[in-house]
């Protein structure tokens, strides 16, 4: 089990074959190299509202500390969403989920 603290994040609901799963798409920017990295989590099993951030627990036991002011995408995560949407075209969908509402 690992704990992640992304610079930017969104929760995606991926639907295919009439089944939906939610995953965290997390992004980090390397301040030294200027490169961006991302991670798409395993399915979300629990979300805890910790006031300033959400503690998102996944099926594999990993935890994402998603600070509320960091919700959103960077260039690399926007490309990942675009790619997922194209892959699922005609077979499913990718939607954004707002936590805490």
N, C-alpha and C. Protein backbone atom coordinates (compact mmCIF):
# COMPACT_ATOMS: atom_id res chain seq x y z
N UNK A 1 0.84 -1.18 0.00
CA UNK A 1 0.00 0.00 0.00
C UNK A 1 0.88 1.24 0.00
N UNK A 2 0.50 2.18 -0.83
CA UNK A 2 1.25 3.43 -0.93
C UNK A 2 0.30 4.60 -0.72
N UNK A 3 0.89 5.74 -0.36
CA UNK A 3 0.11 6.95 -0.21
C UNK A 3 0.64 7.98 -1.20
N UNK A 4 -0.27 8.63 -1.91
CA UNK A 4 0.09 9.60 -2.94
C UNK A 4 -0.51 10.96 -2.62
N UNK A 5 0.21 12.00 -2.96
CA UNK A 5 -0.21 13.38 -2.71
C UNK A 5 -0.04 14.17 -4.02
N UNK A 6 -1.01 14.06 -4.93
CA UNK A 6 -0.84 14.66 -6.26
C UNK A 6 -0.94 16.19 -6.26
N UNK A 7 -0.27 16.81 -7.25
CA UNK A 7 -0.36 18.25 -7.48
C UNK A 7 -1.72 18.63 -8.06
N UNK A 8 -2.25 17.78 -8.92
CA UNK A 8 -3.55 17.97 -9.56
C UNK A 8 -4.24 16.61 -9.60
N UNK A 9 -5.57 16.63 -9.53
CA UNK A 9 -6.30 15.36 -9.54
C UNK A 9 -7.74 15.57 -9.98
N UNK A 10 -8.33 14.51 -10.51
CA UNK A 10 -9.75 14.44 -10.80
C UNK A 10 -10.19 13.01 -10.53
N UNK A 11 -11.48 12.84 -10.27
CA UNK A 11 -12.05 11.49 -10.16
C UNK A 11 -12.85 11.26 -11.43
N UNK A 12 -12.55 10.15 -12.08
CA UNK A 12 -13.25 9.78 -13.32
C UNK A 12 -14.20 8.62 -13.04
N UNK A 13 -15.34 8.66 -13.69
CA UNK A 13 -16.25 7.52 -13.69
C UNK A 13 -16.19 6.93 -15.08
N UNK A 14 -15.65 5.73 -15.18
CA UNK A 14 -15.46 5.06 -16.46
C UNK A 14 -16.54 3.99 -16.58
N UNK A 15 -17.35 4.11 -17.62
CA UNK A 15 -18.47 3.19 -17.83
C UNK A 15 -18.22 2.40 -19.10
N UNK A 16 -18.35 1.09 -18.97
CA UNK A 16 -18.20 0.19 -20.11
C UNK A 16 -19.00 -1.06 -19.81
N UNK A 17 -19.73 -1.56 -20.82
CA UNK A 17 -20.57 -2.76 -20.66
C UNK A 17 -21.55 -2.61 -19.48
N UNK A 18 -22.13 -1.44 -19.35
CA UNK A 18 -23.12 -1.12 -18.32
C UNK A 18 -22.58 -1.23 -16.90
N UNK A 19 -21.24 -1.19 -16.74
CA UNK A 19 -20.61 -1.20 -15.42
C UNK A 19 -19.78 0.06 -15.29
N UNK A 20 -19.88 0.69 -14.12
CA UNK A 20 -19.12 1.92 -13.87
C UNK A 20 -18.14 1.72 -12.73
N UNK A 21 -16.98 2.28 -12.89
CA UNK A 21 -16.00 2.31 -11.81
C UNK A 21 -15.46 3.74 -11.72
N UNK A 22 -15.07 4.10 -10.51
CA UNK A 22 -14.47 5.42 -10.29
C UNK A 22 -12.99 5.22 -10.01
N UNK A 23 -12.18 6.10 -10.63
CA UNK A 23 -10.74 6.06 -10.43
C UNK A 23 -10.21 7.46 -10.27
N UNK A 24 -9.13 7.58 -9.52
CA UNK A 24 -8.44 8.86 -9.38
C UNK A 24 -7.42 8.96 -10.51
N UNK A 25 -7.45 10.08 -11.22
CA UNK A 25 -6.41 10.39 -12.19
C UNK A 25 -5.58 11.49 -11.54
N UNK A 26 -4.38 11.14 -11.12
CA UNK A 26 -3.52 12.05 -10.36
C UNK A 26 -2.34 12.50 -11.22
N UNK A 27 -1.96 13.75 -11.07
CA UNK A 27 -0.84 14.29 -11.83
C UNK A 27 0.16 15.01 -10.94
N UNK A 28 1.43 14.91 -11.33
CA UNK A 28 2.52 15.58 -10.63
C UNK A 28 3.39 16.31 -11.63
N UNK A 29 3.90 17.44 -11.23
CA UNK A 29 4.84 18.18 -12.06
C UNK A 29 6.19 18.15 -11.38
N UNK A 30 7.21 17.71 -12.11
CA UNK A 30 8.57 17.71 -11.60
C UNK A 30 9.10 19.13 -11.73
N UNK A 31 9.27 19.80 -10.61
CA UNK A 31 9.66 21.20 -10.62
C UNK A 31 11.06 21.42 -11.17
N UNK A 32 11.92 20.43 -11.04
CA UNK A 32 13.30 20.55 -11.52
C UNK A 32 13.39 20.34 -13.03
N UNK A 33 12.78 19.26 -13.50
CA UNK A 33 12.87 18.91 -14.92
C UNK A 33 11.76 19.52 -15.76
N UNK A 34 10.68 19.94 -15.11
CA UNK A 34 9.55 20.52 -15.84
C UNK A 34 8.66 19.49 -16.51
N UNK A 35 8.90 18.23 -16.22
CA UNK A 35 8.09 17.15 -16.82
C UNK A 35 6.89 16.85 -15.93
N UNK A 36 5.86 16.27 -16.53
CA UNK A 36 4.67 15.88 -15.79
C UNK A 36 4.53 14.36 -15.80
N UNK A 37 4.04 13.83 -14.70
CA UNK A 37 3.77 12.40 -14.59
C UNK A 37 2.33 12.23 -14.13
N UNK A 38 1.78 11.05 -14.37
CA UNK A 38 0.42 10.79 -13.92
C UNK A 38 0.30 9.36 -13.43
N UNK A 39 -0.81 9.10 -12.74
CA UNK A 39 -1.13 7.76 -12.27
C UNK A 39 -2.65 7.63 -12.28
N UNK A 40 -3.15 6.55 -12.86
CA UNK A 40 -4.57 6.24 -12.85
C UNK A 40 -4.76 5.13 -11.81
N UNK A 41 -5.53 5.41 -10.78
CA UNK A 41 -5.67 4.48 -9.66
C UNK A 41 -6.48 3.25 -10.03
N UNK A 42 -6.43 2.28 -9.15
CA UNK A 42 -7.37 1.16 -9.21
C UNK A 42 -8.72 1.71 -8.75
N UNK A 43 -9.79 0.93 -8.85
CA UNK A 43 -11.11 1.45 -8.48
C UNK A 43 -11.18 2.00 -7.05
N UNK A 44 -11.92 3.09 -6.91
CA UNK A 44 -12.12 3.74 -5.61
C UNK A 44 -13.11 2.92 -4.79
N UNK A 45 -12.76 2.68 -3.52
CA UNK A 45 -13.67 1.95 -2.63
C UNK A 45 -14.19 2.81 -1.49
N UNK A 46 -13.48 3.90 -1.16
CA UNK A 46 -13.92 4.75 -0.05
C UNK A 46 -13.36 6.15 -0.22
N UNK A 47 -14.19 7.14 0.13
CA UNK A 47 -13.76 8.55 0.11
C UNK A 47 -14.08 9.15 1.47
N UNK A 48 -13.07 9.70 2.12
CA UNK A 48 -13.25 10.34 3.42
C UNK A 48 -12.97 11.83 3.26
N UNK A 49 -13.89 12.66 3.73
CA UNK A 49 -13.72 14.11 3.67
C UNK A 49 -12.96 14.54 4.93
N UNK A 50 -11.73 15.01 4.75
CA UNK A 50 -10.87 15.38 5.87
C UNK A 50 -10.76 16.90 6.01
N UNK A 51 -11.76 17.63 5.61
CA UNK A 51 -11.86 19.08 5.67
C UNK A 51 -11.11 19.75 4.51
N UNK A 52 -9.79 19.75 4.51
CA UNK A 52 -9.03 20.42 3.44
C UNK A 52 -8.67 19.48 2.29
N UNK A 53 -8.86 18.20 2.47
CA UNK A 53 -8.56 17.23 1.41
C UNK A 53 -9.46 16.01 1.54
N UNK A 54 -9.51 15.25 0.45
CA UNK A 54 -10.21 13.97 0.46
C UNK A 54 -9.18 12.86 0.58
N UNK A 55 -9.45 11.91 1.41
CA UNK A 55 -8.61 10.72 1.53
C UNK A 55 -9.34 9.63 0.74
N UNK A 56 -8.79 9.30 -0.41
CA UNK A 56 -9.43 8.36 -1.33
C UNK A 56 -8.69 7.02 -1.25
N UNK A 57 -9.42 5.98 -0.88
CA UNK A 57 -8.85 4.65 -0.73
C UNK A 57 -9.26 3.82 -1.94
N UNK A 58 -8.31 3.10 -2.53
CA UNK A 58 -8.59 2.30 -3.71
C UNK A 58 -8.64 0.81 -3.37
N UNK A 59 -9.08 0.04 -4.34
CA UNK A 59 -9.24 -1.41 -4.18
C UNK A 59 -7.94 -2.09 -3.77
N UNK A 60 -6.81 -1.58 -4.25
CA UNK A 60 -5.52 -2.19 -3.91
C UNK A 60 -4.97 -1.70 -2.57
N UNK A 61 -5.71 -0.79 -1.91
CA UNK A 61 -5.26 -0.28 -0.62
C UNK A 61 -4.44 0.99 -0.69
N UNK A 62 -4.15 1.46 -1.89
CA UNK A 62 -3.44 2.73 -2.02
C UNK A 62 -4.34 3.86 -1.58
N UNK A 63 -3.73 4.94 -1.09
CA UNK A 63 -4.47 6.09 -0.60
C UNK A 63 -3.99 7.33 -1.36
N UNK A 64 -4.94 8.12 -1.83
CA UNK A 64 -4.65 9.38 -2.50
C UNK A 64 -5.15 10.51 -1.61
N UNK A 65 -4.24 11.40 -1.21
CA UNK A 65 -4.61 12.59 -0.43
C UNK A 65 -4.85 13.71 -1.45
N UNK A 66 -6.11 13.92 -1.76
CA UNK A 66 -6.49 14.86 -2.82
C UNK A 66 -6.93 16.19 -2.21
N UNK A 67 -6.02 17.15 -2.18
CA UNK A 67 -6.31 18.46 -1.61
C UNK A 67 -7.36 19.17 -2.46
N UNK A 68 -8.35 19.71 -1.79
CA UNK A 68 -9.50 20.28 -2.49
C UNK A 68 -9.11 21.40 -3.44
N UNK A 69 -8.12 22.21 -3.06
CA UNK A 69 -7.71 23.32 -3.93
C UNK A 69 -6.89 22.85 -5.14
N UNK A 70 -6.54 21.58 -5.19
CA UNK A 70 -5.73 21.04 -6.29
C UNK A 70 -6.56 20.26 -7.31
N UNK A 71 -7.88 20.25 -7.14
CA UNK A 71 -8.72 19.51 -8.08
C UNK A 71 -8.61 20.14 -9.46
N UNK A 72 -8.38 19.32 -10.46
CA UNK A 72 -8.25 19.79 -11.84
C UNK A 72 -7.19 18.97 -12.56
N UNK A 73 -6.95 19.36 -13.80
CA UNK A 73 -6.01 18.60 -14.63
C UNK A 73 -4.84 19.46 -15.07
N UNK A 74 -3.75 18.79 -15.40
CA UNK A 74 -2.64 19.44 -16.08
C UNK A 74 -2.64 18.93 -17.53
N UNK A 75 -1.67 19.32 -18.30
CA UNK A 75 -1.65 18.96 -19.71
C UNK A 75 -1.63 17.45 -19.92
N UNK A 76 -0.79 16.75 -19.16
CA UNK A 76 -0.66 15.30 -19.36
C UNK A 76 -1.93 14.57 -18.96
N UNK A 77 -2.59 14.98 -17.86
CA UNK A 77 -3.81 14.27 -17.46
C UNK A 77 -4.96 14.59 -18.41
N UNK A 78 -4.98 15.78 -18.97
CA UNK A 78 -6.00 16.10 -19.98
C UNK A 78 -5.83 15.20 -21.21
N UNK A 79 -4.59 14.93 -21.58
CA UNK A 79 -4.34 14.01 -22.70
C UNK A 79 -4.78 12.59 -22.38
N UNK A 80 -4.59 12.17 -21.13
CA UNK A 80 -5.02 10.83 -20.72
C UNK A 80 -6.55 10.71 -20.84
N UNK A 81 -7.27 11.72 -20.38
CA UNK A 81 -8.73 11.70 -20.48
C UNK A 81 -9.17 11.65 -21.94
N UNK A 82 -8.51 12.45 -22.77
CA UNK A 82 -8.83 12.45 -24.20
C UNK A 82 -8.59 11.07 -24.81
N UNK A 83 -7.48 10.46 -24.47
CA UNK A 83 -7.15 9.14 -24.99
C UNK A 83 -8.15 8.08 -24.51
N UNK A 84 -8.50 8.12 -23.23
CA UNK A 84 -9.49 7.17 -22.71
C UNK A 84 -10.83 7.33 -23.42
N UNK A 85 -11.24 8.58 -23.61
CA UNK A 85 -12.51 8.85 -24.29
C UNK A 85 -12.51 8.28 -25.70
N UNK A 86 -11.40 8.44 -26.42
CA UNK A 86 -11.30 7.91 -27.78
C UNK A 86 -11.33 6.38 -27.77
N UNK A 87 -10.65 5.76 -26.81
CA UNK A 87 -10.63 4.30 -26.72
C UNK A 87 -12.02 3.73 -26.45
N UNK A 88 -12.82 4.47 -25.69
CA UNK A 88 -14.15 3.99 -25.31
C UNK A 88 -15.25 4.44 -26.25
N UNK A 89 -14.89 5.21 -27.25
CA UNK A 89 -15.89 5.76 -28.18
C UNK A 89 -16.78 4.64 -28.74
N UNK A 90 -18.08 4.79 -28.54
CA UNK A 90 -19.03 3.80 -29.02
C UNK A 90 -19.16 2.58 -28.12
N UNK A 91 -18.30 2.46 -27.10
CA UNK A 91 -18.33 1.31 -26.20
C UNK A 91 -18.55 1.68 -24.75
N UNK A 92 -18.36 2.97 -24.43
CA UNK A 92 -18.48 3.40 -23.04
C UNK A 92 -18.27 4.89 -22.94
N UNK A 93 -18.01 5.35 -21.72
CA UNK A 93 -17.82 6.80 -21.53
C UNK A 93 -16.89 7.08 -20.35
N UNK A 94 -16.38 8.31 -20.34
CA UNK A 94 -15.57 8.81 -19.25
C UNK A 94 -16.21 10.10 -18.78
N UNK A 95 -16.56 10.17 -17.50
CA UNK A 95 -17.20 11.36 -16.93
C UNK A 95 -16.41 11.79 -15.70
N UNK A 96 -16.53 13.07 -15.38
CA UNK A 96 -15.89 13.62 -14.19
C UNK A 96 -16.86 13.54 -13.02
N UNK A 97 -16.32 13.22 -11.84
CA UNK A 97 -17.12 13.12 -10.63
C UNK A 97 -16.65 14.21 -9.67
N UNK A 98 -17.60 14.94 -9.11
CA UNK A 98 -17.28 15.93 -8.10
C UNK A 98 -17.48 15.30 -6.72
N UNK A 99 -16.44 15.27 -5.92
CA UNK A 99 -16.54 14.69 -4.59
C UNK A 99 -17.17 15.70 -3.64
N UNK A 100 -17.86 15.19 -2.64
CA UNK A 100 -18.41 16.03 -1.59
C UNK A 100 -19.69 16.75 -1.94
N UNK A 101 -20.29 16.43 -3.07
CA UNK A 101 -21.55 17.13 -3.40
C UNK A 101 -22.73 16.18 -3.36
